[in-house]
Amino acid sequence: MNITTNGEAVSIDPLTVQEYLLSLGIDPRRVAVELNLEILPKAQYPTTHLKEGDTLEIVQFVGGGSLPASLPKAG
């Protein structure tokens, strides 16, 4: 079946959102998923089956922050 993930067309076997994330090596607890322009609650990842033509946007959270005020900025 064909879906679009983050703007890229992909062909996959029928899977749930959670199964698909795991197949990509993505920890479902650390991402947000938009399915067909709607945010999908994490509780629905295991029960939401992907369908032909679905569009997913997967947003991974990246840790980081700013420098403390006492450190000089580079440059």
PDB file of N, CA and C in Angstrom:
ATOM      1  N   MET A   1       0.851  -1.165   0.000  1.00  0.00           N
ATOM      2  CA  MET A   1       0.000   0.000   0.000  1.00  0.00           C
ATOM      3  C   MET A   1       0.894   1.224   0.000  1.00  0.00           C
ATOM      4  N   ASN A   2       0.402   2.315  -0.562  1.00  0.00           N
ATOM      5  CA  ASN A   2       1.193   3.533  -0.702  1.00  0.00           C
ATOM      6  C   ASN A   2       0.683   4.616   0.236  1.00  0.00           C
ATOM      7  N   ILE A   3       1.640   5.225   0.969  1.00  0.00           N
ATOM      8  CA  ILE A   3       1.342   6.349   1.846  1.00  0.00           C
ATOM      9  C   ILE A   3       2.410   7.409   1.617  1.00  0.00           C
ATOM     10  N   THR A   4       2.226   8.560   2.228  1.00  0.00           N
ATOM     11  CA  THR A   4       3.232   9.615   2.175  1.00  0.00           C
ATOM     12  C   THR A   4       3.685   9.902   3.597  1.00  0.00           C
ATOM     13  N   THR A   5       5.003   9.877   3.815  1.00  0.00           N
ATOM     14  CA  THR A   5       5.572  10.155   5.130  1.00  0.00           C
ATOM     15  C   THR A   5       6.541  11.312   5.011  1.00  0.00           C
ATOM     16  N   ASN A   6       6.251  12.390   5.732  1.00  0.00           N
ATOM     17  CA  ASN A   6       7.093  13.588   5.706  1.00  0.00           C
ATOM     18  C   ASN A   6       7.402  14.021   4.269  1.00  0.00           C
ATOM     19  N   GLY A   7       6.367  13.987   3.435  1.00  0.00           N
ATOM     20  CA  GLY A   7       6.483  14.455   2.062  1.00  0.00           C
ATOM     21  C   GLY A   7       7.054  13.451   1.079  1.00  0.00           C
ATOM     22  N   GLU A   8       7.396  12.256   1.540  1.00  0.00           N
ATOM     23  CA  GLU A   8       8.001  11.242   0.669  1.00  0.00           C
ATOM     24  C   GLU A   8       7.043  10.072   0.475  1.00  0.00           C
ATOM     25  N   ALA A   9       6.822   9.687  -0.779  1.00  0.00           N
ATOM     26  CA  ALA A   9       5.969   8.539  -1.084  1.00  0.00           C
ATOM     27  C   ALA A   9       6.695   7.262  -0.695  1.00  0.00           C
ATOM     28  N   VAL A  10       5.992   6.396   0.040  1.00  0.00           N
ATOM     29  CA  VAL A  10       6.566   5.115   0.448  1.00  0.00           C
ATOM     30  C   VAL A  10       5.543   4.011   0.249  1.00  0.00           C
ATOM     31  N   SER A  11       6.040   2.807   0.039  1.00  0.00           N
ATOM     32  CA  SER A  11       5.186   1.631  -0.095  1.00  0.00           C
ATOM     33  C   SER A  11       5.435   0.743   1.115  1.00  0.00           C
ATOM     34  N   ILE A  12       4.349   0.386   1.829  1.00  0.00           N
ATOM     35  CA  ILE A  12       4.483  -0.409   3.047  1.00  0.00           C
ATOM     36  C   ILE A  12       3.441  -1.520   3.065  1.00  0.00           C
ATOM     37  N   ASP A  13       3.669  -2.499   3.930  1.00  0.00           N
ATOM     38  CA  ASP A  13       2.649  -3.503   4.227  1.00  0.00           C
ATOM     39  C   ASP A  13       1.625  -2.853   5.151  1.00  0.00           C
ATOM     40  N   PRO A  14       0.419  -3.394   5.246  1.00  0.00           N
ATOM     41  CA  PRO A  14      -0.565  -2.846   6.182  1.00  0.00           C
ATOM     42  C   PRO A  14      -0.036  -2.916   7.620  1.00  0.00           C
ATOM     43  N   LEU A  15      -0.023  -1.774   8.288  1.00  0.00           N
ATOM     44  CA  LEU A  15       0.504  -1.659   9.647  1.00  0.00           C
ATOM     45  C   LEU A  15      -0.312  -0.658  10.442  1.00  0.00           C
ATOM     46  N   THR A  16      -0.195  -0.734  11.770  1.00  0.00           N
ATOM     47  CA  THR A  16      -0.715   0.345  12.602  1.00  0.00           C
ATOM     48  C   THR A  16       0.334   1.455  12.621  1.00  0.00           C
ATOM     49  N   VAL A  17      -0.050   2.617  13.096  1.00  0.00           N
ATOM     50  CA  VAL A  17       0.909   3.720  13.205  1.00  0.00           C
ATOM     51  C   VAL A  17       2.075   3.297  14.096  1.00  0.00           C
ATOM     52  N   GLN A  18       1.779   2.652  15.216  1.00  0.00           N
ATOM     53  CA  GLN A  18       2.850   2.227  16.123  1.00  0.00           C
ATOM     54  C   GLN A  18       3.780   1.227  15.453  1.00  0.00           C
ATOM     55  N   GLU A  19       3.236   0.254  14.758  1.00  0.00           N
ATOM     56  CA  GLU A  19       4.069  -0.728  14.055  1.00  0.00           C
ATOM     57  C   GLU A  19       4.943  -0.046  13.004  1.00  0.00           C
ATOM     58  N   TYR A  20       4.380   0.927  12.309  1.00  0.00           N
ATOM     59  CA  TYR A  20       5.135   1.644  11.282  1.00  0.00           C
ATOM     60  C   TYR A  20       6.291   2.421  11.909  1.00  0.00           C
ATOM     61  N   LEU A  21       6.013   3.134  13.005  1.00  0.00           N
ATOM     62  CA  LEU A  21       7.076   3.876  13.678  1.00  0.00           C
ATOM     63  C   LEU A  21       8.193   2.937  14.119  1.00  0.00           C
ATOM     64  N   LEU A  22       7.829   1.819  14.732  1.00  0.00           N
ATOM     65  CA  LEU A  22       8.834   0.857  15.181  1.00  0.00           C
ATOM     66  C   LEU A  22       9.629   0.289  14.011  1.00  0.00           C
ATOM     67  N   SER A  23       8.979   0.077  12.860  1.00  0.00           N
ATOM     68  CA  SER A  23       9.688  -0.441  11.682  1.00  0.00           C
ATOM     69  C   SER A  23      10.719   0.557  11.162  1.00  0.00           C
ATOM     70  N   LEU A  24      10.502   1.836  11.470  1.00  0.00           N
ATOM     71  CA  LEU A  24      11.448   2.885  11.076  1.00  0.00           C
ATOM     72  C   LEU A  24      12.527   3.104  12.136  1.00  0.00           C
ATOM     73  N   GLY A  25      12.431   2.359  13.251  1.00  0.00           N
ATOM     74  CA  GLY A  25      13.391   2.543  14.337  1.00  0.00           C
ATOM     75  C   GLY A  25      13.088   3.757  15.192  1.00  0.00           C
ATOM     76  N   ILE A  26      11.841   4.192  15.174  1.00  0.00           N
ATOM     77  CA  ILE A  26      11.426   5.384  15.917  1.00  0.00           C
ATOM     78  C   ILE A  26      10.687   4.967  17.178  1.00  0.00           C
ATOM     79  N   ASP A  27      11.079   5.547  18.311  1.00  0.00           N
ATOM     80  CA  ASP A  27      10.395   5.304  19.579  1.00  0.00           C
ATOM     81  C   ASP A  27       9.090   6.099  19.576  1.00  0.00           C
ATOM     82  N   PRO A  28       7.941   5.429  19.572  1.00  0.00           N
ATOM     83  CA  PRO A  28       6.657   6.134  19.505  1.00  0.00           C
ATOM     84  C   PRO A  28       6.433   7.126  20.644  1.00  0.00           C
ATOM     85  N   ARG A  29       7.132   6.946  21.757  1.00  0.00           N
ATOM     86  CA  ARG A  29       6.964   7.866  22.891  1.00  0.00           C
ATOM     87  C   ARG A  29       7.635   9.206  22.646  1.00  0.00           C
ATOM     88  N   ARG A  30       8.512   9.279  21.661  1.00  0.00           N
ATOM     89  CA  ARG A  30       9.318  10.483  21.451  1.00  0.00           C
ATOM     90  C   ARG A  30       8.979  11.259  20.176  1.00  0.00           C
ATOM     91  N   VAL A  31       7.800  10.992  19.634  1.00  0.00           N
ATOM     92  CA  VAL A  31       7.396  11.700  18.420  1.00  0.00           C
ATOM     93  C   VAL A  31       5.947  12.156  18.522  1.00  0.00           C
ATOM     94  N   ALA A  32       5.618  13.101  17.686  1.00  0.00           N
ATOM     95  CA  ALA A  32       4.224  13.484  17.456  1.00  0.00           C
ATOM     96  C   ALA A  32       3.904  13.079  16.026  1.00  0.00           C
ATOM     97  N   VAL A  33       2.688  12.605  15.813  1.00  0.00           N
ATOM     98  CA  VAL A  33       2.279  12.158  14.484  1.00  0.00           C
ATOM     99  C   VAL A  33       1.036  12.923  14.054  1.00  0.00           C
ATOM    100  N   GLU A  34       1.122  13.482  12.853  1.00  0.00           N
ATOM    101  CA  GLU A  34      -0.039  14.096  12.218  1.00  0.00           C
ATOM    102  C   GLU A  34      -0.471  13.138  11.115  1.00  0.00           C
ATOM    103  N   LEU A  35      -1.717  12.701  11.171  1.00  0.00           N
ATOM    104  CA  LEU A  35      -2.259  11.774  10.178  1.00  0.00           C
ATOM    105  C   LEU A  35      -3.365  12.482   9.419  1.00  0.00           C
ATOM    106  N   ASN A  36      -3.148  12.685   8.128  1.00  0.00           N
ATOM    107  CA  ASN A  36      -4.134  13.362   7.277  1.00  0.00           C
ATOM    108  C   ASN A  36      -4.562  14.703   7.870  1.00  0.00           C
ATOM    109  N   LEU A  37      -3.553  15.502   8.262  1.00  0.00           N
ATOM    110  CA  LEU A  37      -3.719  16.875   8.755  1.00  0.00           C
ATOM    111  C   LEU A  37      -4.329  16.981  10.150  1.00  0.00           C
ATOM    112  N   GLU A  38      -4.387  15.873  10.900  1.00  0.00           N
ATOM    113  CA  GLU A  38      -4.886  15.909  12.277  1.00  0.00           C
ATOM    114  C   GLU A  38      -3.882  15.239  13.199  1.00  0.00           C
ATOM    115  N   ILE A  39      -3.617  15.885  14.349  1.00  0.00           N
ATOM    116  CA  ILE A  39      -2.715  15.296  15.329  1.00  0.00           C
ATOM    117  C   ILE A  39      -3.344  14.018  15.868  1.00  0.00           C
ATOM    118  N   LEU A  40      -2.569  12.950  15.875  1.00  0.00           N
ATOM    119  CA  LEU A  40      -3.053  11.662  16.361  1.00  0.00           C
ATOM    120  C   LEU A  40      -2.592  11.480  17.804  1.00  0.00           C
ATOM    121  N   PRO A  41      -3.517  11.304  18.750  1.00  0.00           N
ATOM    122  CA  PRO A  41      -3.111  11.067  20.142  1.00  0.00           C
ATOM    123  C   PRO A  41      -2.266   9.796  20.258  1.00  0.00           C
ATOM    124  N   LYS A  42      -1.231   9.842  21.089  1.00  0.00           N
ATOM    125  CA  LYS A  42      -0.339   8.687  21.254  1.00  0.00           C
ATOM    126  C   LYS A  42      -1.104   7.427  21.633  1.00  0.00           C
ATOM    127  N   ALA A  43      -2.167   7.555  22.406  1.00  0.00           N
ATOM    128  CA  ALA A  43      -2.954   6.393  22.828  1.00  0.00           C
ATOM    129  C   ALA A  43      -3.574   5.667  21.636  1.00  0.00           C
ATOM    130  N   GLN A  44      -3.681   6.357  20.492  1.00  0.00           N
ATOM    131  CA  GLN A  44      -4.286   5.749  19.305  1.00  0.00           C
ATOM    132  C   GLN A  44      -3.261   5.143  18.346  1.00  0.00           C
ATOM    133  N   TYR A  45      -1.967   5.326  18.604  1.00  0.00           N
ATOM    134  CA  TYR A  45      -0.945   4.759  17.716  1.00  0.00           C
ATOM    135  C   TYR A  45      -1.111   3.244  17.542  1.00  0.00           C
ATOM    136  N   PRO A  46      -1.350   2.478  18.645  1.00  0.00           N
ATOM    137  CA  PRO A  46      -1.430   1.017  18.479  1.00  0.00           C
ATOM    138  C   PRO A  46      -2.691   0.529  17.770  1.00  0.00           C
ATOM    139  N   THR A  47      -3.729   1.355  17.716  1.00  0.00           N
ATOM    140  CA  THR A  47      -5.004   0.889  17.153  1.00  0.00           C
ATOM    141  C   THR A  47      -5.376   1.552  15.834  1.00  0.00           C
ATOM    142  N   THR A  48      -4.582   2.521  15.398  1.00  0.00           N
ATOM    143  CA  THR A  48      -4.874   3.218  14.145  1.00  0.00           C
ATOM    144  C   THR A  48      -4.143   2.528  13.000  1.00  0.00           C
ATOM    145  N   HIS A  49      -4.917   1.938  12.100  1.00  0.00           N
ATOM    146  CA  HIS A  49      -4.352   1.230  10.948  1.00  0.00           C
ATOM    147  C   HIS A  49      -4.161   2.208   9.796  1.00  0.00           C
ATOM    148  N   LEU A  50      -2.980   2.194   9.217  1.00  0.00           N
ATOM    149  CA  LEU A  50      -2.713   3.037   8.059  1.00  0.00           C
ATOM    150  C   LEU A  50      -3.475   2.498   6.862  1.00  0.00           C
ATOM    151  N   LYS A  51      -3.922   3.446   6.014  1.00  0.00           N
ATOM    152  CA  LYS A  51      -4.710   3.083   4.838  1.00  0.00           C
ATOM    153  C   LYS A  51      -4.062   3.660   3.588  1.00  0.00           C
ATOM    154  N   GLU A  52      -4.390   3.064   2.459  1.00  0.00           N
ATOM    155  CA  GLU A  52      -3.914   3.545   1.159  1.00  0.00           C
ATOM    156  C   GLU A  52      -4.157   5.044   1.048  1.00  0.00           C
ATOM    157  N   GLY A  53      -3.100   5.781   0.677  1.00  0.00           N
ATOM    158  CA  GLY A  53      -3.224   7.210   0.450  1.00  0.00           C
ATOM    159  C   GLY A  53      -3.071   8.080   1.681  1.00  0.00           C
ATOM    160  N   ASP A  54      -2.881   7.479   2.867  1.00  0.00           N
ATOM    161  CA  ASP A  54      -2.700   8.278   4.082  1.00  0.00           C
ATOM    162  C   ASP A  54      -1.459   9.149   3.965  1.00  0.00           C
ATOM    163  N   THR A  55      -1.502  10.286   4.651  1.00  0.00           N
ATOM    164  CA  THR A  55      -0.364  11.192   4.721  1.00  0.00           C
ATOM    165  C   THR A  55       0.026  11.370   6.178  1.00  0.00           C
ATOM    166  N   LEU A  56       1.281  11.065   6.484  1.00  0.00           N
ATOM    167  CA  LEU A  56       1.794  11.224   7.843  1.00  0.00           C
ATOM    168  C   LEU A  56       2.888  12.267   7.875  1.00  0.00           C
ATOM    169  N   GLU A  57       2.907  13.022   8.944  1.00  0.00           N
ATOM    170  CA  GLU A  57       4.037  13.877   9.278  1.00  0.00           C
ATOM    171  C   GLU A  57       4.503  13.403  10.645  1.00  0.00           C
ATOM    172  N   ILE A  58       5.759  13.037  10.741  1.00  0.00           N
ATOM    173  CA  ILE A  58       6.330  12.553  11.992  1.00  0.00           C
ATOM    174  C   ILE A  58       7.325  13.598  12.474  1.00  0.00           C
ATOM    175  N   VAL A  59       7.082  14.115  13.673  1.00  0.00           N
ATOM    176  CA  VAL A  59       7.949  15.143  14.243  1.00  0.00           C
ATOM    177  C   VAL A  59       8.669  14.543  15.441  1.00  0.00           C
ATOM    178  N   GLN A  60       9.995  14.500  15.364  1.00  0.00           N
ATOM    179  CA  GLN A  60      10.798  13.979  16.468  1.00  0.00           C
ATOM    180  C   GLN A  60      11.274  15.133  17.330  1.00  0.00           C
ATOM    181  N   PHE A  61      11.250  14.916  18.630  1.00  0.00           N
ATOM    182  CA  PHE A  61      11.691  15.940  19.567  1.00  0.00           C
ATOM    183  C   PHE A  61      13.194  15.823  19.749  1.00  0.00           C
ATOM    184  N   VAL A  62      13.865  16.971  19.717  1.00  0.00           N
ATOM    185  CA  VAL A  62      15.309  17.017  19.862  1.00  0.00           C
ATOM    186  C   VAL A  62      15.629  17.855  21.088  1.00  0.00           C
ATOM    187  N   GLY A  63      16.404  17.285  22.005  1.00  0.00           N
ATOM    188  CA  GLY A  63      16.796  18.021  23.202  1.00  0.00           C
ATOM    189  C   GLY A  63      17.797  19.100  22.855  1.00  0.00           C
ATOM    190  N   GLY A  64      17.873  20.058  23.709  1.00  0.00           N
ATOM    191  CA  GLY A  64      18.822  21.139  23.487  1.00  0.00           C
ATOM    192  C   GLY A  64      18.494  22.282  24.411  1.00  0.00           C
ATOM    193  N   GLY A  65      19.054  23.385  24.152  1.00  0.00           N
ATOM    194  CA  GLY A  65      18.797  24.551  24.985  1.00  0.00           C
ATOM    195  C   GLY A  65      19.724  25.666  24.585  1.00  0.00           C
ATOM    196  N   SER A  66      19.772  26.652  25.435  1.00  0.00           N
ATOM    197  CA  SER A  66      20.627  27.798  25.151  1.00  0.00           C
ATOM    198  C   SER A  66      21.785  27.814  26.133  1.00  0.00           C
ATOM    199  N   LEU A  67      22.805  28.572  25.796  1.00  0.00           N
ATOM    200  CA  LEU A  67      23.952  28.718  26.682  1.00  0.00           C
ATOM    201  C   LEU A  67      23.556  29.531  27.903  1.00  0.00           C
ATOM    202  N   PRO A  68      24.132  29.212  29.061  1.00  0.00           N
ATOM    203  CA  PRO A  68      23.886  30.059  30.234  1.00  0.00           C
ATOM    204  C   PRO A  68      24.379  31.471  29.961  1.00  0.00           C
ATOM    205  N   ALA A  69      23.756  32.443  30.576  1.00  0.00           N
ATOM    206  CA  ALA A  69      24.084  33.851  30.340  1.00  0.00           C
ATOM    207  C   ALA A  69      25.532  34.168  30.683  1.00  0.00           C
ATOM    208  N   SER A  70      26.165  33.399  31.581  1.00  0.00           N
ATOM    209  CA  SER A  70      27.525  33.701  32.015  1.00  0.00           C
ATOM    210  C   SER A  70      28.599  33.259  31.018  1.00  0.00           C
ATOM    211  N   LEU A  71      28.248  32.433  30.037  1.00  0.00           N
ATOM    212  CA  LEU A  71      29.231  31.988  29.050  1.00  0.00           C
ATOM    213  C   LEU A  71      29.274  32.953  27.870  1.00  0.00           C
ATOM    214  N   PRO A  72      30.471  33.256  27.390  1.00  0.00           N
ATOM    215  CA  PRO A  72      30.556  34.137  26.215  1.00  0.00           C
ATOM    216  C   PRO A  72      30.051  33.412  24.975  1.00  0.00           C
ATOM    217  N   LYS A  73      29.450  34.160  24.087  1.00  0.00           N
ATOM    218  CA  LYS A  73      28.971  33.589  22.832  1.00  0.00           C
ATOM    219  C   LYS A  73      30.127  33.478  21.853  1.00  0.00           C
ATOM    220  N   ALA A  74      30.088  32.433  21.034  1.00  0.00           N
ATOM    221  CA  ALA A  74      31.137  32.226  20.029  1.00  0.00           C
ATOM    222  C   ALA A  74      31.036  33.285  18.947  1.00  0.00           C
ATOM    223  N   GLY A  75      32.181  33.628  18.382  1.00  0.00           N
ATOM    224  CA  GLY A  75      32.133  34.509  17.236  1.00  0.00           C
ATOM    225  C   GLY A  75      32.901  35.702  17.455  1.00  0.00           C
TER     226      GLY A  75
END
